[in-house]
Protein backbone atom coordinates (compact mmCIF):
# COMPACT_ATOMS: atom_id res chain seq x y z
CA GLN A 1 -11.68 -22.75 4.00
CA VAL A 2 -8.33 -21.12 4.55
CA GLN A 3 -5.44 -21.12 2.13
CA LEU A 4 -1.88 -20.61 3.29
CA VAL A 5 1.20 -19.99 1.20
CA GLU A 6 4.69 -19.77 2.65
CA SER A 7 7.67 -18.03 1.09
CA GLY A 8 11.14 -16.90 2.01
CA GLY A 9 12.94 -20.19 2.41
CA GLY A 10 16.33 -20.87 0.90
CA LEU A 11 19.96 -21.59 1.60
CA VAL A 12 21.74 -19.58 4.23
CA GLN A 13 25.04 -19.90 6.06
CA ALA A 14 25.16 -20.69 9.73
CA GLY A 15 24.82 -17.53 11.77
CA GLY A 16 22.73 -15.88 9.10
CA SER A 17 19.09 -14.87 9.01
CA LEU A 18 15.99 -15.58 7.01
CA ARG A 19 12.48 -14.25 7.21
CA LEU A 20 9.66 -16.56 6.26
CA SER A 21 6.26 -15.26 5.27
CA CYS A 22 2.88 -16.96 5.32
CA ALA A 23 0.06 -15.33 3.40
CA ALA A 24 -3.45 -16.35 4.40
CA SER A 25 -6.63 -16.07 2.35
CA GLY A 26 -10.18 -17.37 2.53
CA THR A 27 -12.25 -17.43 5.71
CA ILE A 28 -9.52 -15.94 7.86
CA SER A 29 -11.86 -14.18 10.27
CA ARG A 30 -12.32 -17.44 12.18
CA ILE A 31 -8.64 -18.12 12.67
CA ASN A 32 -7.52 -18.02 16.32
CA TYR A 33 -3.96 -19.27 16.15
CA MET A 34 -1.15 -19.23 13.63
CA SER A 35 1.78 -21.56 14.05
CA TRP A 36 5.04 -22.49 12.42
CA TYR A 37 6.26 -26.09 12.26
CA ARG A 38 9.38 -27.55 10.80
CA GLN A 39 10.23 -31.06 9.71
CA THR A 40 13.49 -32.68 8.78
CA PRO A 41 13.41 -36.04 6.98
CA GLY A 42 13.50 -38.88 9.47
CA LYS A 43 12.62 -36.68 12.42
CA GLN A 44 9.40 -35.80 14.15
CA ARG A 45 7.73 -32.59 13.13
CA GLU A 46 8.50 -29.82 15.59
CA LEU A 47 6.30 -26.91 16.63
CA VAL A 48 8.54 -23.86 16.33
CA ALA A 49 6.21 -21.00 17.28
CA ARG A 50 2.55 -20.44 17.97
CA MET A 51 0.79 -17.12 18.27
CA THR A 52 -2.69 -15.82 18.73
CA VAL A 53 -3.84 -13.83 15.73
CA ASP A 54 -3.80 -10.63 17.77
CA GLY A 55 -0.14 -11.26 18.57
CA VAL A 56 -0.73 -11.01 22.31
CA SER A 57 0.41 -14.53 23.13
CA ILE A 58 3.39 -16.09 21.39
CA ASN A 59 5.13 -19.28 22.41
CA TYR A 60 8.37 -20.68 21.08
CA ALA A 61 10.12 -24.02 21.14
CA ASP A 62 13.07 -24.00 23.53
CA SER A 63 15.37 -24.71 20.61
CA VAL A 64 14.58 -21.35 18.97
CA LYS A 65 13.91 -19.03 21.90
CA GLY A 66 15.87 -15.85 21.64
CA ARG A 67 16.65 -16.41 17.97
CA PHE A 68 13.27 -16.64 16.22
CA THR A 69 10.47 -14.09 16.29
CA SER A 70 6.94 -14.63 15.08
CA SER A 71 4.83 -11.65 14.09
CA GLY A 72 1.88 -10.73 11.97
CA ASP A 73 0.53 -7.99 9.74
CA SER A 74 -3.25 -8.05 9.79
CA ALA A 75 -3.49 -5.56 6.94
CA LYS A 76 -1.66 -8.01 4.71
CA ASN A 77 -3.12 -11.18 6.25
CA THR A 78 0.43 -12.37 6.63
CA VAL A 79 2.47 -13.81 9.45
CA TYR A 80 6.22 -13.86 9.57
CA LEU A 81 8.94 -15.91 11.17
CA GLN A 82 12.16 -14.01 11.56
CA MET A 83 14.98 -16.49 12.09
CA ASN A 84 18.32 -15.20 13.32
CA SER A 85 21.55 -16.90 14.33
CA LEU A 86 20.62 -19.93 12.30
CA LYS A 87 22.44 -23.12 13.18
CA PRO A 88 23.78 -25.72 10.75
CA ALA A 89 21.12 -28.29 10.08
CA ALA A 90 19.77 -30.69 7.54
CA PRO A 91 17.22 -29.19 5.15
CA ALA A 92 13.91 -28.63 6.89
CA VAL A 93 10.52 -27.77 5.54
CA TYR A 94 8.87 -24.94 7.45
CA SER A 95 5.09 -24.87 7.30
CA CYS A 96 2.63 -22.42 8.68
CA THR A 97 -0.70 -23.54 10.03
CA ALA A 98 -3.94 -21.91 11.02
CA LEU A 99 -6.33 -23.15 13.66
CA SER A 100 -9.88 -21.91 13.42
CA THR A 101 -12.63 -21.40 15.97
CA PHE A 102 -14.14 -24.70 14.88
CA LEU A 103 -10.80 -26.46 15.43
CA SER A 104 -10.20 -26.84 11.71
CA HIS A 105 -6.46 -27.04 11.08
CA TYR A 106 -5.11 -25.69 7.82
CA TRP A 107 -1.59 -26.17 6.45
CA GLY A 108 0.47 -24.47 3.83
CA PRO A 109 2.66 -26.47 1.44
CA GLY A 110 5.82 -25.37 3.23
CA THR A 111 9.07 -23.75 2.28
CA GLN A 112 12.48 -25.37 2.58
CA VAL A 113 15.26 -23.93 4.68
CA THR A 114 18.81 -25.20 4.51
CA VAL A 115 21.51 -23.88 6.84
CA SER A 116 25.04 -24.66 5.73
CA SER A 117 28.01 -24.82 8.06
């Protein structure tokens, strides 16, 4: 089992920045991918970024390319999502996920991000 806990969400003005963190615990040695998703009420959940745990391969949604950066700190078992130049948007819940070797998919509870205009 893998447990994930996100933090760092909040209210920020458009153009500002936030850094989300996702701390992982449990059987993390079998995790291959870490991802960030976001969901706004009434809209489909969107994959924001996906990275291999070694950080070699990182992919971003077109909507965030050039503004968001995903990274990890293996010593802290934590991944981060640095979000810059945030755009006005309805409140969204950002969740991190872990995909294991056995294709088990784990989710954190999420952290809410609101960008005001």
